[in-house]
N, C-alpha and C. Protein backbone atom coordinates (compact mmCIF):
# COMPACT_ATOMS: atom_id res chain seq x y z
N UNK A 1 11.45 -3.44 16.13
CA UNK A 1 10.10 -3.04 15.83
C UNK A 1 9.17 -3.53 17.01
N UNK A 2 9.40 -4.91 17.41
CA UNK A 2 8.45 -5.48 18.26
C UNK A 2 8.66 -4.91 19.70
N UNK A 3 9.90 -4.61 20.07
CA UNK A 3 10.16 -3.98 21.41
C UNK A 3 9.47 -2.76 21.52
N UNK A 4 9.63 -1.83 20.52
CA UNK A 4 8.93 -0.55 20.59
C UNK A 4 7.43 -0.67 20.58
N UNK A 5 7.00 -1.54 19.62
CA UNK A 5 5.50 -1.76 19.61
C UNK A 5 4.95 -2.28 20.90
N UNK A 6 5.69 -3.25 21.48
CA UNK A 6 5.24 -3.88 22.73
C UNK A 6 5.20 -2.74 23.87
N UNK A 7 6.14 -1.84 23.91
CA UNK A 7 6.15 -0.74 24.89
C UNK A 7 4.94 0.22 24.68
N UNK A 8 4.65 0.45 23.41
CA UNK A 8 3.59 1.39 23.04
C UNK A 8 2.21 0.78 23.45
N UNK A 9 2.09 -0.63 23.18
CA UNK A 9 0.90 -1.28 23.44
C UNK A 9 0.69 -1.41 25.05
N UNK A 10 1.84 -1.53 25.74
CA UNK A 10 1.64 -1.53 27.16
C UNK A 10 1.13 -0.17 27.70
N UNK A 11 1.64 0.84 27.10
CA UNK A 11 1.21 2.19 27.44
C UNK A 11 -0.34 2.33 27.12
N UNK A 12 -0.75 1.77 26.05
CA UNK A 12 -2.20 1.88 25.57
C UNK A 12 -3.00 1.06 26.64
N UNK A 13 -2.55 -0.15 27.03
CA UNK A 13 -3.16 -0.84 28.11
C UNK A 13 -3.38 0.06 29.32
N UNK A 14 -2.35 0.65 29.80
CA UNK A 14 -2.37 1.52 31.01
C UNK A 14 -3.45 2.64 30.88
N UNK A 15 -3.41 3.19 29.68
CA UNK A 15 -4.32 4.29 29.44
C UNK A 15 -5.72 3.95 29.35
N UNK A 16 -6.05 2.81 28.84
CA UNK A 16 -7.43 2.34 28.64
C UNK A 16 -8.01 1.58 29.95
N UNK A 17 -6.99 1.26 30.74
CA UNK A 17 -7.41 0.54 32.02
C UNK A 17 -8.43 1.47 32.81
N UNK A 18 -9.52 0.96 33.25
CA UNK A 18 -10.47 1.74 34.02
C UNK A 18 -11.62 2.27 33.17
N UNK A 19 -11.32 2.29 31.80
CA UNK A 19 -12.42 2.79 30.89
C UNK A 19 -13.67 1.72 30.85
N UNK A 20 -14.84 2.19 30.93
CA UNK A 20 -16.01 1.32 30.91
C UNK A 20 -16.23 0.63 29.62
N UNK A 21 -15.92 1.37 28.49
CA UNK A 21 -16.24 0.76 27.15
C UNK A 21 -15.29 1.50 26.18
N UNK A 22 -15.22 0.88 25.00
CA UNK A 22 -14.41 1.43 23.87
C UNK A 22 -15.23 2.56 23.28
N UNK A 23 -14.57 3.73 23.19
CA UNK A 23 -15.10 4.83 22.43
C UNK A 23 -14.22 5.23 21.35
N UNK A 24 -14.79 5.98 20.34
CA UNK A 24 -13.97 6.40 19.22
C UNK A 24 -12.72 7.10 19.78
N UNK A 25 -12.97 7.97 20.77
CA UNK A 25 -11.85 8.78 21.30
C UNK A 25 -10.68 8.00 21.85
N UNK A 26 -11.10 6.90 22.76
CA UNK A 26 -10.00 6.20 23.27
C UNK A 26 -9.38 5.09 22.37
N UNK A 27 -10.18 4.77 21.35
CA UNK A 27 -9.62 3.88 20.23
C UNK A 27 -8.59 4.86 19.45
N UNK A 28 -8.99 6.06 19.16
CA UNK A 28 -8.04 6.89 18.29
C UNK A 28 -6.82 7.18 19.15
N UNK A 29 -6.88 7.39 20.46
CA UNK A 29 -5.74 7.55 21.27
C UNK A 29 -4.81 6.37 21.25
N UNK A 30 -5.36 5.25 21.36
CA UNK A 30 -4.52 4.05 21.40
C UNK A 30 -3.90 3.69 20.05
N UNK A 31 -4.68 3.91 18.94
CA UNK A 31 -4.16 3.70 17.66
C UNK A 31 -3.12 4.71 17.26
N UNK A 32 -3.17 5.86 17.69
CA UNK A 32 -2.14 6.84 17.54
C UNK A 32 -0.69 6.29 17.97
N UNK A 33 -0.77 5.67 19.17
CA UNK A 33 0.48 5.14 19.69
C UNK A 33 0.99 4.00 18.79
N UNK A 34 0.01 3.15 18.35
CA UNK A 34 0.37 2.02 17.52
C UNK A 34 1.05 2.51 16.21
N UNK A 35 0.27 3.52 15.61
CA UNK A 35 0.72 4.10 14.34
C UNK A 35 2.12 4.65 14.40
N UNK A 36 2.46 5.39 15.60
CA UNK A 36 3.72 5.93 15.78
C UNK A 36 4.80 4.89 15.89
N UNK A 37 4.44 3.81 16.74
CA UNK A 37 5.43 2.77 16.82
C UNK A 37 5.72 2.01 15.49
N UNK A 38 4.76 1.78 14.69
CA UNK A 38 4.98 1.21 13.34
C UNK A 38 5.83 2.09 12.50
N UNK A 39 5.49 3.35 12.44
CA UNK A 39 6.29 4.21 11.52
C UNK A 39 7.72 4.46 12.12
N UNK A 40 7.86 4.50 13.46
CA UNK A 40 9.27 4.52 13.96
C UNK A 40 10.01 3.19 13.65
N UNK A 41 9.35 2.10 13.38
CA UNK A 41 10.09 0.96 13.12
C UNK A 41 10.11 0.73 11.59
N UNK A 42 9.88 1.84 10.74
CA UNK A 42 10.02 1.89 9.35
C UNK A 42 9.16 1.05 8.58
N UNK A 43 7.92 0.81 9.10
CA UNK A 43 6.91 0.05 8.35
C UNK A 43 6.41 1.07 7.37
N UNK A 44 6.10 0.64 6.12
CA UNK A 44 5.61 1.47 5.05
C UNK A 44 4.34 2.17 5.35
N UNK A 45 4.17 3.50 5.05
CA UNK A 45 3.04 4.18 5.37
C UNK A 45 1.69 3.63 4.81
N UNK A 46 1.69 3.08 3.61
CA UNK A 46 0.42 2.49 3.17
C UNK A 46 0.05 1.26 3.95
N UNK A 47 1.05 0.51 4.44
CA UNK A 47 0.83 -0.60 5.28
C UNK A 47 0.22 -0.23 6.57
N UNK A 48 0.84 0.87 7.19
CA UNK A 48 0.41 1.41 8.47
C UNK A 48 -1.08 1.82 8.37
N UNK A 49 -1.39 2.62 7.32
CA UNK A 49 -2.70 3.15 7.07
C UNK A 49 -3.75 2.03 7.03
N UNK A 50 -3.42 1.06 6.11
CA UNK A 50 -4.40 -0.01 5.98
C UNK A 50 -4.60 -0.73 7.36
N UNK A 51 -3.47 -1.08 8.04
CA UNK A 51 -3.54 -1.70 9.30
C UNK A 51 -4.42 -1.02 10.36
N UNK A 52 -4.21 0.32 10.49
CA UNK A 52 -5.00 1.13 11.47
C UNK A 52 -6.39 1.19 11.04
N UNK A 53 -6.75 1.27 9.75
CA UNK A 53 -8.11 1.29 9.22
C UNK A 53 -8.75 0.00 9.72
N UNK A 54 -8.21 -1.11 9.37
CA UNK A 54 -8.73 -2.47 9.75
C UNK A 54 -8.98 -2.55 11.19
N UNK A 55 -8.05 -2.21 12.03
CA UNK A 55 -8.24 -2.23 13.51
C UNK A 55 -9.31 -1.38 13.94
N UNK A 56 -9.33 -0.14 13.48
CA UNK A 56 -10.43 0.82 13.86
C UNK A 56 -11.83 0.31 13.52
N UNK A 57 -11.91 -0.23 12.22
CA UNK A 57 -13.21 -0.69 11.87
C UNK A 57 -13.78 -1.86 12.82
N UNK A 58 -12.78 -2.74 13.16
CA UNK A 58 -13.12 -3.82 13.98
C UNK A 58 -13.43 -3.31 15.41
N UNK A 59 -12.70 -2.39 15.93
CA UNK A 59 -12.82 -1.93 17.29
C UNK A 59 -14.06 -1.14 17.52
N UNK A 60 -14.41 -0.29 16.50
CA UNK A 60 -15.58 0.58 16.65
C UNK A 60 -16.90 -0.18 16.72
N UNK A 61 -16.95 -1.32 15.99
CA UNK A 61 -18.15 -2.17 16.08
C UNK A 61 -18.23 -3.22 17.06
N UNK A 62 -17.21 -3.17 17.92
CA UNK A 62 -16.99 -4.20 18.97
C UNK A 62 -17.66 -3.84 20.32
N UNK A 63 -18.48 -4.74 20.84
CA UNK A 63 -18.95 -4.60 22.24
C UNK A 63 -17.97 -5.18 23.09
N UNK A 64 -17.66 -4.50 24.24
CA UNK A 64 -16.75 -5.04 25.26
C UNK A 64 -17.37 -6.12 25.93
N UNK A 65 -16.72 -7.25 25.89
CA UNK A 65 -17.23 -8.46 26.67
C UNK A 65 -17.11 -8.20 28.08
N UNK A 66 -17.94 -8.69 28.90
CA UNK A 66 -17.92 -8.49 30.42
C UNK A 66 -16.60 -8.86 31.05
N UNK A 67 -15.96 -9.90 30.49
CA UNK A 67 -14.77 -10.46 31.09
C UNK A 67 -13.52 -9.74 30.63
N UNK A 68 -13.70 -8.83 29.62
CA UNK A 68 -12.55 -8.06 29.10
C UNK A 68 -12.65 -6.63 29.25
N UNK A 69 -11.57 -5.90 29.52
CA UNK A 69 -11.59 -4.43 29.61
C UNK A 69 -11.37 -3.83 28.16
N UNK A 70 -11.73 -2.63 27.93
CA UNK A 70 -11.55 -2.04 26.70
C UNK A 70 -10.11 -2.12 26.06
N UNK A 71 -9.07 -1.95 27.00
CA UNK A 71 -7.79 -2.11 26.56
C UNK A 71 -7.42 -3.46 26.16
N UNK A 72 -7.96 -4.54 26.78
CA UNK A 72 -7.78 -5.88 26.35
C UNK A 72 -8.42 -6.18 24.94
N UNK A 73 -9.53 -5.59 24.77
CA UNK A 73 -10.25 -5.83 23.49
C UNK A 73 -9.47 -5.19 22.36
N UNK A 74 -9.02 -3.97 22.54
CA UNK A 74 -8.28 -3.22 21.55
C UNK A 74 -6.91 -3.98 21.29
N UNK A 75 -6.21 -4.37 22.32
CA UNK A 75 -4.94 -5.15 22.18
C UNK A 75 -5.21 -6.47 21.43
N UNK A 76 -6.33 -7.12 21.73
CA UNK A 76 -6.61 -8.37 21.01
C UNK A 76 -6.86 -8.14 19.53
N UNK A 77 -7.57 -7.03 19.27
CA UNK A 77 -7.78 -6.74 17.78
C UNK A 77 -6.55 -6.36 17.11
N UNK A 78 -5.65 -5.61 17.79
CA UNK A 78 -4.36 -5.19 17.24
C UNK A 78 -3.52 -6.51 17.02
N UNK A 79 -3.48 -7.31 17.94
CA UNK A 79 -2.61 -8.65 17.80
C UNK A 79 -3.22 -9.47 16.67
N UNK A 80 -4.55 -9.62 16.54
CA UNK A 80 -5.10 -10.44 15.41
C UNK A 80 -4.80 -9.81 14.09
N UNK A 81 -4.77 -8.51 13.97
CA UNK A 81 -4.47 -7.71 12.79
C UNK A 81 -2.88 -7.85 12.37
N UNK A 82 -2.11 -7.84 13.45
CA UNK A 82 -0.60 -8.01 13.18
C UNK A 82 -0.37 -9.49 12.65
N UNK A 83 -1.05 -10.50 13.22
CA UNK A 83 -0.81 -11.83 12.75
C UNK A 83 -1.31 -11.90 11.30
N UNK A 84 -2.51 -11.31 11.02
CA UNK A 84 -2.98 -11.39 9.64
C UNK A 84 -2.02 -10.64 8.68
N UNK A 85 -1.37 -9.52 9.14
CA UNK A 85 -0.48 -8.73 8.25
C UNK A 85 0.77 -9.50 8.05
N UNK A 86 1.29 -10.06 9.05
CA UNK A 86 2.64 -10.85 8.99
C UNK A 86 2.53 -12.21 8.26
N UNK A 87 1.25 -12.71 8.23
CA UNK A 87 1.09 -14.02 7.75
C UNK A 87 0.70 -14.96 8.72
N UNK A 88 -0.39 -15.61 8.48
CA UNK A 88 -1.05 -16.46 9.55
C UNK A 88 -0.39 -17.84 9.65
N UNK A 89 0.34 -18.32 8.59
CA UNK A 89 0.87 -19.64 8.61
C UNK A 89 2.38 -19.54 8.49
N UNK A 90 2.99 -20.40 9.26
CA UNK A 90 4.49 -20.47 9.19
C UNK A 90 4.86 -21.34 7.97
N UNK A 91 5.62 -20.84 7.08
CA UNK A 91 6.09 -21.56 5.93
C UNK A 91 7.61 -21.77 6.06
N UNK A 92 8.06 -23.00 6.24
CA UNK A 92 9.52 -23.27 6.37
C UNK A 92 10.23 -22.93 5.10
N UNK A 93 11.56 -22.62 5.27
CA UNK A 93 12.39 -22.36 4.15
C UNK A 93 12.64 -23.69 3.41
N UNK A 94 12.71 -23.64 2.13
CA UNK A 94 13.04 -24.82 1.33
C UNK A 94 14.52 -24.82 0.99
N UNK A 95 15.29 -25.51 1.87
CA UNK A 95 16.78 -25.59 1.78
C UNK A 95 17.25 -26.80 1.13
N UNK A 96 16.46 -27.55 0.52
CA UNK A 96 16.81 -28.84 -0.25
C UNK A 96 17.40 -28.49 -1.62
N UNK A 97 18.43 -27.71 -1.65
CA UNK A 97 19.11 -27.36 -2.91
C UNK A 97 20.51 -27.72 -2.95
N UNK A 98 21.12 -27.67 -4.05
CA UNK A 98 22.60 -27.93 -4.10
C UNK A 98 23.36 -26.94 -3.26
N UNK A 99 24.01 -27.36 -2.26
CA UNK A 99 24.77 -26.31 -1.44
C UNK A 99 25.72 -25.53 -2.22
N UNK A 100 25.92 -24.27 -1.97
CA UNK A 100 25.42 -23.52 -0.91
C UNK A 100 24.04 -22.91 -1.15
N UNK A 101 23.17 -22.89 -0.14
CA UNK A 101 21.84 -22.32 -0.25
C UNK A 101 22.04 -20.75 -0.09
N UNK A 102 21.73 -19.91 -1.03
CA UNK A 102 21.80 -18.55 -0.87
C UNK A 102 20.56 -17.91 -0.35
N UNK A 103 20.75 -17.20 0.83
CA UNK A 103 19.56 -16.52 1.46
C UNK A 103 19.90 -14.97 1.56
N UNK A 104 19.11 -14.22 1.06
CA UNK A 104 19.27 -12.75 1.18
C UNK A 104 18.52 -12.17 2.34
N UNK A 105 19.22 -11.53 3.18
CA UNK A 105 18.62 -10.84 4.39
C UNK A 105 18.78 -9.33 4.12
N UNK A 106 17.74 -8.75 4.12
CA UNK A 106 17.61 -7.24 3.86
C UNK A 106 16.97 -6.54 5.08
N UNK A 107 17.51 -5.40 5.47
CA UNK A 107 16.91 -4.72 6.68
C UNK A 107 17.83 -3.53 7.04
N UNK A 108 17.40 -2.77 7.93
CA UNK A 108 18.14 -1.63 8.48
C UNK A 108 19.15 -2.06 9.45
N UNK A 109 20.09 -1.19 9.65
CA UNK A 109 21.14 -1.54 10.58
C UNK A 109 20.57 -1.74 12.03
N UNK A 110 21.07 -2.72 12.67
CA UNK A 110 20.46 -3.03 14.01
C UNK A 110 19.21 -3.73 14.04
N UNK A 111 18.64 -4.25 12.82
CA UNK A 111 17.33 -4.82 12.77
C UNK A 111 17.30 -6.31 13.05
N UNK A 112 18.58 -6.89 13.36
CA UNK A 112 18.56 -8.37 13.66
C UNK A 112 18.71 -9.31 12.46
N UNK A 113 19.67 -8.93 11.52
CA UNK A 113 19.82 -9.72 10.32
C UNK A 113 20.97 -10.76 10.53
N UNK A 114 21.66 -10.65 11.61
CA UNK A 114 22.86 -11.53 11.80
C UNK A 114 22.24 -13.03 11.80
N UNK A 115 22.74 -13.86 10.92
CA UNK A 115 22.16 -15.28 10.77
C UNK A 115 22.57 -16.15 12.08
N UNK A 116 21.65 -16.92 12.40
CA UNK A 116 21.85 -17.94 13.51
C UNK A 116 22.25 -19.25 12.76
N UNK A 117 22.83 -20.18 13.49
CA UNK A 117 23.13 -21.54 13.03
C UNK A 117 21.82 -22.16 12.63
N UNK A 118 21.87 -22.79 11.38
CA UNK A 118 20.68 -23.49 10.87
C UNK A 118 20.71 -24.98 11.21
N UNK A 119 21.49 -25.41 12.18
CA UNK A 119 21.53 -26.80 12.51
C UNK A 119 20.24 -27.29 13.26
């Protein structure tokens, strides 16, 4: 998901480069790419809709700071919303149980479920 999303965001950057300010049209164009990337990564439709709504609300009311381009502002907002969606705090696994500790990994084929060493 993150590779595809990263590629789409890079494309959004390039498309918004040179724009003087954020407009509803260029925000919609950028968020269309983000929406497609999330859906292609099998993110649930209600989650995508809420995410896009939050980003759009924040971006439409945002004045572009003189040191940032419109693309940078939109990407910053998308990044902040992704962090909020995924969880802002890192919570370590509680593995202090009688061995073996059972951990369920669920996901699509090729989604990176192969466990790494926990040493």
